[in-house]
Amino acid sequence: MRKAWRYSPSDRRVRRLPSLAYDSLQPDTSGLATADVVDSFNGAPDRYEWALVAKREMLVPYNSYAVHQKGIPYEDIVGPRTLNPELLRYELHRVWVVDATLRKGFRHPYAKRRFYIDEDSWSILAVDLFDETGELIGLQESHPISYYEVPMFNSTVETLYHLKDGNYFVDGLDNNEPMYDFDVRLSPRDFSPAALRRGGN
Protein backbone atom coordinates (compact mmCIF):
# COMPACT_ATOMS: atom_id res chain seq x y z
CA MET A 1 0.00 0.00 0.00
CA ARG A 2 1.17 3.52 -0.75
CA LYS A 3 2.51 5.68 2.06
CA ALA A 4 1.28 9.23 2.45
CA TRP A 5 2.14 12.23 4.60
CA ARG A 6 0.36 15.50 5.34
CA TYR A 7 1.78 18.89 6.27
CA SER A 8 -0.14 20.80 8.95
CA PRO A 9 0.34 24.60 8.61
CA SER A 10 -1.01 25.24 12.12
CA ASP A 11 1.85 23.50 13.90
CA ARG A 12 4.24 23.23 10.91
CA ARG A 13 4.56 19.47 11.29
CA VAL A 14 4.46 16.58 8.84
CA ARG A 15 2.49 13.53 9.94
CA ARG A 16 2.11 10.13 8.37
CA LEU A 17 -1.47 9.40 7.28
CA PRO A 18 -2.79 6.03 8.48
CA SER A 19 -4.28 5.21 5.08
CA LEU A 20 -4.95 7.02 1.83
CA ALA A 21 -6.38 4.47 -0.57
CA TYR A 22 -9.66 3.04 -1.82
CA ASP A 23 -12.58 4.35 0.29
CA SER A 24 -10.55 6.15 2.97
CA LEU A 25 -11.58 9.79 3.18
CA GLN A 26 -9.28 12.48 1.85
CA PRO A 27 -8.13 15.00 4.47
CA ASP A 28 -9.63 18.49 4.27
CA THR A 29 -12.65 17.45 2.20
CA SER A 30 -15.25 17.45 5.01
CA GLY A 31 -15.90 13.79 4.29
CA LEU A 32 -17.01 14.51 0.72
CA ALA A 33 -14.24 12.71 -1.20
CA THR A 34 -12.68 9.27 -0.94
CA ALA A 35 -9.06 8.70 -1.87
CA ASP A 36 -9.90 6.92 -5.10
CA VAL A 37 -11.93 9.72 -6.74
CA VAL A 38 -8.84 11.86 -7.41
CA ASP A 39 -8.42 12.43 -11.18
CA SER A 40 -11.75 10.60 -11.66
CA PHE A 41 -10.18 7.34 -10.46
CA ASN A 42 -7.03 6.90 -8.44
CA GLY A 43 -5.18 3.89 -7.10
CA ALA A 44 -5.42 0.15 -7.51
CA PRO A 45 -8.29 -1.21 -9.63
CA ASP A 46 -8.35 -4.61 -7.90
CA ARG A 47 -11.53 -4.15 -5.82
CA TYR A 48 -13.74 -3.78 -8.88
CA GLU A 49 -14.76 -5.99 -11.78
CA TRP A 50 -14.30 -4.02 -15.02
CA ALA A 51 -16.37 -4.32 -18.18
CA LEU A 52 -16.31 -2.46 -21.49
CA VAL A 53 -19.97 -1.62 -22.19
CA ALA A 54 -20.17 0.43 -25.37
CA LYS A 55 -18.97 3.38 -27.37
CA ARG A 56 -21.41 6.26 -27.80
CA GLU A 57 -21.68 9.97 -28.52
CA MET A 58 -22.61 12.20 -25.60
CA LEU A 59 -22.19 15.73 -24.29
CA VAL A 60 -19.15 15.86 -22.03
CA PRO A 61 -16.99 18.60 -20.48
CA TYR A 62 -14.42 19.76 -23.02
CA ASN A 63 -12.17 22.74 -23.89
CA SER A 64 -12.89 24.32 -20.51
CA TYR A 65 -10.81 27.45 -21.03
CA ALA A 66 -13.42 29.86 -19.64
CA VAL A 67 -13.32 28.33 -16.16
CA HIS A 68 -9.51 28.20 -16.34
CA GLN A 69 -9.06 31.94 -16.92
CA LYS A 70 -6.53 33.59 -14.65
CA GLY A 71 -7.85 35.95 -11.99
CA ILE A 72 -11.51 34.89 -11.84
CA PRO A 73 -12.60 35.12 -8.18
CA TYR A 74 -13.42 31.71 -6.80
CA GLU A 75 -16.81 32.96 -5.59
CA ASP A 76 -17.67 33.63 -9.25
CA ILE A 77 -16.90 29.99 -10.09
CA VAL A 78 -18.28 28.03 -7.14
CA GLY A 79 -22.04 28.32 -6.67
CA PRO A 80 -24.23 26.94 -3.90
CA ARG A 81 -25.13 23.76 -5.81
CA THR A 82 -22.92 23.64 -8.92
CA LEU A 83 -20.08 25.38 -10.64
CA ASN A 84 -21.15 28.49 -12.56
CA PRO A 85 -22.64 27.05 -15.79
CA GLU A 86 -21.71 30.20 -17.72
CA LEU A 87 -18.04 29.23 -17.32
CA LEU A 88 -18.45 25.58 -18.35
CA ARG A 89 -18.36 24.10 -21.85
CA TYR A 90 -19.77 20.78 -23.08
CA GLU A 91 -19.22 19.21 -26.49
CA LEU A 92 -20.54 16.18 -28.32
CA HIS A 93 -17.77 13.55 -28.31
CA ARG A 94 -17.39 9.83 -28.75
CA VAL A 95 -16.69 8.12 -25.44
CA TRP A 96 -16.02 4.60 -24.28
CA VAL A 97 -18.39 3.48 -21.52
CA VAL A 98 -16.71 1.32 -18.87
CA ASP A 99 -18.47 -0.18 -15.83
CA ALA A 100 -16.71 -0.98 -12.57
CA THR A 101 -18.66 -3.23 -10.15
CA LEU A 102 -17.43 -3.77 -6.60
CA ARG A 103 -16.15 -7.30 -5.99
CA LYS A 104 -17.76 -9.48 -3.33
CA GLY A 105 -16.15 -9.15 0.07
CA PHE A 106 -15.34 -5.46 -0.25
CA ARG A 107 -17.18 -2.37 0.94
CA HIS A 108 -17.32 1.06 -0.67
CA PRO A 109 -19.89 3.88 -0.87
CA TYR A 110 -19.78 3.38 -4.64
CA ALA A 111 -20.78 -0.19 -5.37
CA LYS A 112 -20.80 0.58 -9.08
CA ARG A 113 -19.18 3.25 -11.22
CA ARG A 114 -19.77 4.04 -14.87
CA PHE A 115 -16.88 5.84 -16.57
CA TYR A 116 -17.16 7.91 -19.75
CA ILE A 117 -13.71 7.95 -21.36
CA ASP A 118 -12.88 10.30 -24.21
CA GLU A 119 -12.03 8.34 -27.38
CA ASP A 120 -9.41 10.89 -28.46
CA SER A 121 -7.47 11.61 -25.27
CA TRP A 122 -8.34 8.57 -23.09
CA SER A 123 -9.27 11.03 -20.34
CA ILE A 124 -12.11 10.16 -17.97
CA LEU A 125 -14.54 13.03 -18.47
CA ALA A 126 -17.48 11.92 -16.33
CA VAL A 127 -18.40 9.19 -13.85
CA ASP A 128 -21.81 8.02 -12.61
CA LEU A 129 -21.69 6.71 -9.02
CA PHE A 130 -24.19 4.13 -7.69
CA ASP A 131 -24.80 2.68 -4.23
CA GLU A 132 -25.35 -0.99 -3.37
CA THR A 133 -29.06 -0.74 -4.29
CA GLY A 134 -28.25 0.53 -7.78
CA GLU A 135 -29.41 4.08 -7.05
CA LEU A 136 -27.49 6.91 -8.71
CA ILE A 137 -26.04 8.87 -5.78
CA GLY A 138 -23.18 10.85 -7.28
CA LEU A 139 -21.62 12.35 -10.38
CA GLN A 140 -18.05 13.32 -11.19
CA GLU A 141 -16.98 15.70 -13.96
CA SER A 142 -13.51 16.58 -15.20
CA HIS A 143 -13.27 19.83 -17.15
CA PRO A 144 -10.23 19.54 -19.44
CA ILE A 145 -8.04 21.84 -21.46
CA SER A 146 -4.98 21.41 -23.65
CA TYR A 147 -1.75 22.56 -22.06
CA TYR A 148 -0.13 23.24 -25.42
CA GLU A 149 3.34 23.99 -24.06
CA VAL A 150 3.79 20.42 -22.76
CA PRO A 151 1.75 19.18 -24.77
CA MET A 152 -0.86 17.59 -22.49
CA PHE A 153 -4.64 17.28 -22.29
CA ASN A 154 -5.80 17.29 -18.68
CA SER A 155 -8.49 18.57 -16.33
CA THR A 156 -8.26 22.10 -15.00
CA VAL A 157 -10.99 21.56 -12.40
CA GLU A 158 -12.88 18.50 -11.15
CA THR A 159 -16.20 18.18 -9.36
CA LEU A 160 -17.86 15.46 -7.29
CA TYR A 161 -21.59 15.99 -6.77
CA HIS A 162 -23.53 14.25 -3.97
CA LEU A 163 -27.02 14.00 -5.36
CA LYS A 164 -28.86 13.11 -2.13
CA ASP A 165 -27.79 16.03 0.04
CA GLY A 166 -26.87 18.56 -2.67
CA ASN A 167 -23.28 19.00 -1.50
CA TYR A 168 -20.36 18.95 -3.88
CA PHE A 169 -16.58 18.97 -3.78
CA VAL A 170 -14.36 20.98 -6.14
CA ASP A 171 -10.69 20.19 -6.77
CA GLY A 172 -8.07 21.91 -8.90
CA LEU A 173 -9.10 25.56 -8.78
CA ASP A 174 -5.97 27.51 -9.71
CA ASN A 175 -7.23 30.78 -11.18
CA ASN A 176 -5.50 32.83 -8.50
CA GLU A 177 -2.45 30.61 -8.02
CA PRO A 178 0.88 30.49 -9.87
CA MET A 179 0.62 28.44 -13.05
CA TYR A 180 2.23 25.01 -13.16
CA ASP A 181 5.92 25.00 -13.98
CA PHE A 182 6.19 22.15 -16.48
CA ASP A 183 9.96 22.72 -16.81
CA VAL A 184 10.76 22.12 -13.14
CA ARG A 185 13.48 19.54 -12.49
CA LEU A 186 12.79 17.19 -9.58
CA SER A 187 14.72 14.43 -7.83
CA PRO A 188 13.60 11.64 -5.43
CA ARG A 189 14.62 13.96 -2.57
CA ASP A 190 11.82 16.32 -3.57
CA PHE A 191 9.22 13.65 -2.75
CA SER A 192 10.32 12.97 0.84
CA PRO A 193 8.45 13.99 4.03
CA ALA A 194 11.30 16.43 4.72
CA ALA A 195 10.65 18.14 1.36
CA LEU A 196 7.00 18.52 2.33
CA ARG A 197 8.09 20.27 5.52
CA ARG A 198 10.51 22.54 3.64
CA GLY A 199 7.83 23.50 1.14
CA GLY A 200 5.44 24.44 3.92
CA ASN A 201 7.84 26.81 5.68
C-alpha atoms as a PDB file:
ATOM      1  CA  MET A   1       0.000   0.000   0.000  1.00  0.00           C
ATOM      2  CA  ARG A   2       1.170   3.518  -0.751  1.00  0.00           C
ATOM      3  CA  LYS A   3       2.509   5.676   2.057  1.00  0.00           C
ATOM      4  CA  ALA A   4       1.280   9.233   2.445  1.00  0.00           C
ATOM      5  CA  TRP A   5       2.144  12.235   4.603  1.00  0.00           C
ATOM      6  CA  ARG A   6       0.355  15.497   5.336  1.00  0.00           C
ATOM      7  CA  TYR A   7       1.777  18.891   6.274  1.00  0.00           C
ATOM      8  CA  SER A   8      -0.143  20.805   8.949  1.00  0.00           C
ATOM      9  CA  PRO A   9       0.338  24.597   8.606  1.00  0.00           C
ATOM     10  CA  SER A  10      -1.010  25.239  12.117  1.00  0.00           C
ATOM     11  CA  ASP A  11       1.853  23.498  13.901  1.00  0.00           C
ATOM     12  CA  ARG A  12       4.238  23.228  10.914  1.00  0.00           C
ATOM     13  CA  ARG A  13       4.559  19.474  11.294  1.00  0.00           C
ATOM     14  CA  VAL A  14       4.461  16.578   8.843  1.00  0.00           C
ATOM     15  CA  ARG A  15       2.489  13.532   9.935  1.00  0.00           C
ATOM     16  CA  ARG A  16       2.106  10.128   8.371  1.00  0.00           C
ATOM     17  CA  LEU A  17      -1.470   9.397   7.281  1.00  0.00           C
ATOM     18  CA  PRO A  18      -2.788   6.031   8.478  1.00  0.00           C
ATOM     19  CA  SER A  19      -4.281   5.209   5.083  1.00  0.00           C
ATOM     20  CA  LEU A  20      -4.951   7.021   1.829  1.00  0.00           C
ATOM     21  CA  ALA A  21      -6.381   4.473  -0.568  1.00  0.00           C
ATOM     22  CA  TYR A  22      -9.663   3.035  -1.823  1.00  0.00           C
ATOM     23  CA  ASP A  23     -12.580   4.354   0.287  1.00  0.00           C
ATOM     24  CA  SER A  24     -10.552   6.154   2.966  1.00  0.00           C
ATOM     25  CA  LEU A  25     -11.576   9.793   3.175  1.00  0.00           C
ATOM     26  CA  GLN A  26      -9.276  12.480   1.854  1.00  0.00           C
ATOM     27  CA  PRO A  27      -8.135  14.996   4.471  1.00  0.00           C
ATOM     28  CA  ASP A  28      -9.627  18.489   4.270  1.00  0.00           C
ATOM     29  CA  THR A  29     -12.646  17.447   2.197  1.00  0.00           C
ATOM     30  CA  SER A  30     -15.250  17.449   5.014  1.00  0.00           C
ATOM     31  CA  GLY A  31     -15.899  13.788   4.290  1.00  0.00           C
ATOM     32  CA  LEU A  32     -17.014  14.507   0.723  1.00  0.00           C
ATOM     33  CA  ALA A  33     -14.244  12.709  -1.204  1.00  0.00           C
ATOM     34  CA  THR A  34     -12.681   9.272  -0.941  1.00  0.00           C
ATOM     35  CA  ALA A  35      -9.060   8.699  -1.870  1.00  0.00           C
ATOM     36  CA  ASP A  36      -9.899   6.918  -5.103  1.00  0.00           C
ATOM     37  CA  VAL A  37     -11.927   9.721  -6.737  1.00  0.00           C
ATOM     38  CA  VAL A  38      -8.838  11.863  -7.409  1.00  0.00           C
ATOM     39  CA  ASP A  39      -8.421  12.434 -11.177  1.00  0.00           C
ATOM     40  CA  SER A  40     -11.748  10.598 -11.657  1.00  0.00           C
ATOM     41  CA  PHE A  41     -10.184   7.339 -10.465  1.00  0.00           C
ATOM     42  CA  ASN A  42      -7.032   6.902  -8.437  1.00  0.00           C
ATOM     43  CA  GLY A  43      -5.183   3.894  -7.098  1.00  0.00           C
ATOM     44  CA  ALA A  44      -5.423   0.155  -7.505  1.00  0.00           C
ATOM     45  CA  PRO A  45      -8.292  -1.212  -9.626  1.00  0.00           C
ATOM     46  CA  ASP A  46      -8.348  -4.605  -7.903  1.00  0.00           C
ATOM     47  CA  ARG A  47     -11.525  -4.150  -5.815  1.00  0.00           C
ATOM     48  CA  TYR A  48     -13.742  -3.775  -8.877  1.00  0.00           C
ATOM     49  CA  GLU A  49     -14.761  -5.988 -11.785  1.00  0.00           C
ATOM     50  CA  TRP A  50     -14.300  -4.019 -15.017  1.00  0.00           C
ATOM     51  CA  ALA A  51     -16.365  -4.317 -18.181  1.00  0.00           C
ATOM     52  CA  LEU A  52     -16.307  -2.459 -21.494  1.00  0.00           C
ATOM     53  CA  VAL A  53     -19.966  -1.624 -22.185  1.00  0.00           C
ATOM     54  CA  ALA A  54     -20.174   0.432 -25.373  1.00  0.00           C
ATOM     55  CA  LYS A  55     -18.972   3.380 -27.369  1.00  0.00           C
ATOM     56  CA  ARG A  56     -21.406   6.263 -27.797  1.00  0.00           C
ATOM     57  CA  GLU A  57     -21.684   9.966 -28.515  1.00  0.00           C
ATOM     58  CA  MET A  58     -22.612  12.197 -25.602  1.00  0.00           C
ATOM     59  CA  LEU A  59     -22.190  15.726 -24.287  1.00  0.00           C
ATOM     60  CA  VAL A  60     -19.147  15.860 -22.032  1.00  0.00           C
ATOM     61  CA  PRO A  61     -16.989  18.602 -20.480  1.00  0.00           C
ATOM     62  CA  TYR A  62     -14.417  19.757 -23.022  1.00  0.00           C
ATOM     63  CA  ASN A  63     -12.174  22.736 -23.894  1.00  0.00           C
ATOM     64  CA  SER A  64     -12.891  24.323 -20.514  1.00  0.00           C
ATOM     65  CA  TYR A  65     -10.813  27.447 -21.031  1.00  0.00           C
ATOM     66  CA  ALA A  66     -13.420  29.856 -19.638  1.00  0.00           C
ATOM     67  CA  VAL A  67     -13.324  28.330 -16.155  1.00  0.00           C
ATOM     68  CA  HIS A  68      -9.513  28.200 -16.344  1.00  0.00           C
ATOM     69  CA  GLN A  69      -9.057  31.943 -16.918  1.00  0.00           C
ATOM     70  CA  LYS A  70      -6.535  33.588 -14.646  1.00  0.00           C
ATOM     71  CA  GLY A  71      -7.846  35.946 -11.994  1.00  0.00           C
ATOM     72  CA  ILE A  72     -11.507  34.887 -11.844  1.00  0.00           C
ATOM     73  CA  PRO A  73     -12.603  35.120  -8.180  1.00  0.00           C
ATOM     74  CA  TYR A  74     -13.423  31.706  -6.800  1.00  0.00           C
ATOM     75  CA  GLU A  75     -16.805  32.963  -5.586  1.00  0.00           C
ATOM     76  CA  ASP A  76     -17.672  33.632  -9.252  1.00  0.00           C
ATOM     77  CA  ILE A  77     -16.897  29.994 -10.088  1.00  0.00           C
ATOM     78  CA  VAL A  78     -18.275  28.027  -7.142  1.00  0.00           C
ATOM     79  CA  GLY A  79     -22.035  28.322  -6.673  1.00  0.00           C
ATOM     80  CA  PRO A  80     -24.230  26.944  -3.898  1.00  0.00           C
ATOM     81  CA  ARG A  81     -25.134  23.763  -5.811  1.00  0.00           C
ATOM     82  CA  THR A  82     -22.925  23.642  -8.925  1.00  0.00           C
ATOM     83  CA  LEU A  83     -20.078  25.376 -10.642  1.00  0.00           C
ATOM     84  CA  ASN A  84     -21.148  28.487 -12.559  1.00  0.00           C
ATOM     85  CA  PRO A  85     -22.638  27.054 -15.787  1.00  0.00           C
ATOM     86  CA  GLU A  86     -21.710  30.201 -17.722  1.00  0.00           C
ATOM     87  CA  LEU A  87     -18.044  29.225 -17.317  1.00  0.00           C
ATOM     88  CA  LEU A  88     -18.454  25.579 -18.349  1.00  0.00           C
ATOM     89  CA  ARG A  89     -18.363  24.096 -21.846  1.00  0.00           C
ATOM     90  CA  TYR A  90     -19.774  20.780 -23.079  1.00  0.00           C
ATOM     91  CA  GLU A  91     -19.218  19.214 -26.487  1.00  0.00           C
ATOM     92  CA  LEU A  92     -20.537  16.181 -28.325  1.00  0.00           C
ATOM     93  CA  HIS A  93     -17.774  13.549 -28.315  1.00  0.00           C
ATOM     94  CA  ARG A  94     -17.385   9.825 -28.751  1.00  0.00           C
ATOM     95  CA  VAL A  95     -16.686   8.125 -25.440  1.00  0.00           C
ATOM     96  CA  TRP A  96     -16.018   4.598 -24.283  1.00  0.00           C
ATOM     97  CA  VAL A  97     -18.393   3.485 -21.522  1.00  0.00           C
ATOM     98  CA  VAL A  98     -16.714   1.319 -18.870  1.00  0.00           C
ATOM     99  CA  ASP A  99     -18.467  -0.182 -15.833  1.00  0.00           C
ATOM    100  CA  ALA A 100     -16.706  -0.981 -12.568  1.00  0.00           C
ATOM    101  CA  THR A 101     -18.657  -3.226 -10.151  1.00  0.00           C
ATOM    102  CA  LEU A 102     -17.434  -3.774  -6.604  1.00  0.00           C
ATOM    103  CA  ARG A 103     -16.147  -7.298  -5.986  1.00  0.00           C
ATOM    104  CA  LYS A 104     -17.759  -9.479  -3.331  1.00  0.00           C
ATOM    105  CA  GLY A 105     -16.153  -9.153   0.070  1.00  0.00           C
ATOM    106  CA  PHE A 106     -15.337  -5.458  -0.251  1.00  0.00           C
ATOM    107  CA  ARG A 107     -17.183  -2.365   0.937  1.00  0.00           C
ATOM    108  CA  HIS A 108     -17.320   1.060  -0.672  1.00  0.00           C
ATOM    109  CA  PRO A 109     -19.888   3.875  -0.868  1.00  0.00           C
ATOM    110  CA  TYR A 110     -19.779   3.381  -4.642  1.00  0.00           C
ATOM    111  CA  ALA A 111     -20.785  -0.187  -5.371  1.00  0.00           C
ATOM    112  CA  LYS A 112     -20.795   0.576  -9.083  1.00  0.00           C
ATOM    113  CA  ARG A 113     -19.178   3.245 -11.220  1.00  0.00           C
ATOM    114  CA  ARG A 114     -19.775   4.038 -14.872  1.00  0.00           C
ATOM    115  CA  PHE A 115     -16.885   5.841 -16.568  1.00  0.00           C
ATOM    116  CA  TYR A 116     -17.156   7.907 -19.752  1.00  0.00           C
ATOM    117  CA  ILE A 117     -13.706   7.950 -21.360  1.00  0.00           C
ATOM    118  CA  ASP A 118     -12.875  10.302 -24.213  1.00  0.00           C
ATOM    119  CA  GLU A 119     -12.029   8.341 -27.378  1.00  0.00           C
ATOM    120  CA  ASP A 120      -9.412  10.893 -28.456  1.00  0.00           C
ATOM    121  CA  SER A 121      -7.475  11.612 -25.266  1.00  0.00           C
ATOM    122  CA  TRP A 122      -8.336   8.571 -23.094  1.00  0.00           C
ATOM    123  CA  SER A 123      -9.267  11.026 -20.340  1.00  0.00           C
ATOM    124  CA  ILE A 124     -12.110  10.161 -17.971  1.00  0.00           C
ATOM    125  CA  LEU A 125     -14.535  13.027 -18.470  1.00  0.00           C
ATOM    126  CA  ALA A 126     -17.484  11.923 -16.332  1.00  0.00           C
ATOM    127  CA  VAL A 127     -18.396   9.193 -13.846  1.00  0.00           C
ATOM    128  CA  ASP A 128     -21.810   8.020 -12.610  1.00  0.00           C
ATOM    129  CA  LEU A 129     -21.691   6.710  -9.017  1.00  0.00           C
ATOM    130  CA  PHE A 130     -24.189   4.135  -7.687  1.00  0.00           C
ATOM    131  CA  ASP A 131     -24.801   2.680  -4.229  1.00  0.00           C
ATOM    132  CA  GLU A 132     -25.353  -0.993  -3.369  1.00  0.00           C
ATOM    133  CA  THR A 133     -29.061  -0.742  -4.295  1.00  0.00           C
ATOM    134  CA  GLY A 134     -28.249   0.530  -7.780  1.00  0.00           C
ATOM    135  CA  GLU A 135     -29.414   4.078  -7.054  1.00  0.00           C
ATOM    136  CA  LEU A 136     -27.487   6.912  -8.709  1.00  0.00           C
ATOM    137  CA  ILE A 137     -26.045   8.874  -5.780  1.00  0.00           C
ATOM    138  CA  GLY A 138     -23.175  10.848  -7.284  1.00  0.00           C
ATOM    139  CA  LEU A 139     -21.616  12.348 -10.384  1.00  0.00           C
ATOM    140  CA  GLN A 140     -18.050  13.323 -11.195  1.00  0.00           C
ATOM    141  CA  GLU A 141     -16.983  15.698 -13.956  1.00  0.00           C
ATOM    142  CA  SER A 142     -13.508  16.577 -15.198  1.00  0.00           C
ATOM    143  CA  HIS A 143     -13.272  19.832 -17.146  1.00  0.00           C
ATOM    144  CA  PRO A 144     -10.231  19.536 -19.436  1.00  0.00           C
ATOM    145  CA  ILE A 145      -8.040  21.838 -21.464  1.00  0.00           C
ATOM    146  CA  SER A 146      -4.978  21.410 -23.652  1.00  0.00           C
ATOM    147  CA  TYR A 147      -1.745  22.563 -22.063  1.00  0.00           C
ATOM    148  CA  TYR A 148      -0.129  23.243 -25.417  1.00  0.00           C
ATOM    149  CA  GLU A 149       3.340  23.994 -24.060  1.00  0.00           C
ATOM    150  CA  VAL A 150       3.788  20.424 -22.763  1.00  0.00           C
ATOM    151  CA  PRO A 151       1.746  19.182 -24.774  1.00  0.00           C
ATOM    152  CA  MET A 152      -0.864  17.593 -22.485  1.00  0.00           C
ATOM    153  CA  PHE A 153      -4.643  17.276 -22.288  1.00  0.00           C
ATOM    154  CA  ASN A 154      -5.802  17.287 -18.675  1.00  0.00           C
ATOM    155  CA  SER A 155      -8.494  18.570 -16.335  1.00  0.00           C
ATOM    156  CA  THR A 156      -8.263  22.101 -14.997  1.00  0.00           C
ATOM    157  CA  VAL A 157     -10.990  21.560 -12.400  1.00  0.00           C
ATOM    158  CA  GLU A 158     -12.884  18.502 -11.155  1.00  0.00           C
ATOM    159  CA  THR A 159     -16.198  18.179  -9.365  1.00  0.00           C
ATOM    160  CA  LEU A 160     -17.856  15.463  -7.293  1.00  0.00           C
ATOM    161  CA  TYR A 161     -21.594  15.988  -6.770  1.00  0.00           C
ATOM    162  CA  HIS A 162     -23.526  14.250  -3.965  1.00  0.00           C
ATOM    163  CA  LEU A 163     -27.022  14.002  -5.360  1.00  0.00           C
ATOM    164  CA  LYS A 164     -28.860  13.114  -2.129  1.00  0.00           C
ATOM    165  CA  ASP A 165     -27.790  16.035   0.036  1.00  0.00           C
ATOM    166  CA  GLY A 166     -26.872  18.558  -2.670  1.00  0.00           C
ATOM    167  CA  ASN A 167     -23.280  19.000  -1.498  1.00  0.00           C
ATOM    168  CA  TYR A 168     -20.363  18.952  -3.879  1.00  0.00           C
ATOM    169  CA  PHE A 169     -16.578  18.965  -3.776  1.00  0.00           C
ATOM    170  CA  VAL A 170     -14.356  20.979  -6.135  1.00  0.00           C
ATOM    171  CA  ASP A 171     -10.690  20.192  -6.771  1.00  0.00           C
ATOM    172  CA  GLY A 172      -8.066  21.910  -8.899  1.00  0.00           C
ATOM    173  CA  LEU A 173      -9.099  25.561  -8.776  1.00  0.00           C
ATOM    174  CA  ASP A 174      -5.965  27.506  -9.711  1.00  0.00           C
ATOM    175  CA  ASN A 175      -7.228  30.776 -11.178  1.00  0.00           C
ATOM    176  CA  ASN A 176      -5.497  32.831  -8.501  1.00  0.00           C
ATOM    177  CA  GLU A 177      -2.454  30.611  -8.016  1.00  0.00           C
ATOM    178  CA  PRO A 178       0.885  30.488  -9.868  1.00  0.00           C
ATOM    179  CA  MET A 179       0.622  28.439 -13.055  1.00  0.00           C
ATOM    180  CA  TYR A 180       2.226  25.010 -13.162  1.00  0.00           C
ATOM    181  CA  ASP A 181       5.922  24.998 -13.976  1.00  0.00           C
ATOM    182  CA  PHE A 182       6.194  22.154 -16.475  1.00  0.00           C
ATOM    183  CA  ASP A 183       9.962  22.722 -16.810  1.00  0.00           C
ATOM    184  CA  VAL A 184      10.757  22.123 -13.141  1.00  0.00           C
ATOM    185  CA  ARG A 185      13.483  19.544 -12.491  1.00  0.00           C
ATOM    186  CA  LEU A 186      12.793  17.188  -9.580  1.00  0.00           C
ATOM    187  CA  SER A 187      14.718  14.425  -7.825  1.00  0.00           C
ATOM    188  CA  PRO A 188      13.598  11.640  -5.428  1.00  0.00           C
ATOM    189  CA  ARG A 189      14.623  13.959  -2.568  1.00  0.00           C
ATOM    190  CA  ASP A 190      11.817  16.320  -3.571  1.00  0.00           C
ATOM    191  CA  PHE A 191       9.220  13.654  -2.754  1.00  0.00           C
ATOM    192  CA  SER A 192      10.320  12.967   0.836  1.00  0.00           C
ATOM    193  CA  PRO A 193       8.453  13.990   4.030  1.00  0.00           C
ATOM    194  CA  ALA A 194      11.299  16.432   4.721  1.00  0.00           C
ATOM    195  CA  ALA A 195      10.654  18.142   1.362  1.00  0.00           C
ATOM    196  CA  LEU A 196       7.004  18.519   2.328  1.00  0.00           C
ATOM    197  CA  ARG A 197       8.088  20.273   5.519  1.00  0.00           C
ATOM    198  CA  ARG A 198      10.506  22.535   3.639  1.00  0.00           C
ATOM    199  CA  GLY A 199       7.829  23.502   1.141  1.00  0.00           C
ATOM    200  CA  GLY A 200       5.440  24.443   3.921  1.00  0.00           C
ATOM    201  CA  ASN A 201       7.843  26.813   5.679  1.00  0.00           C
END
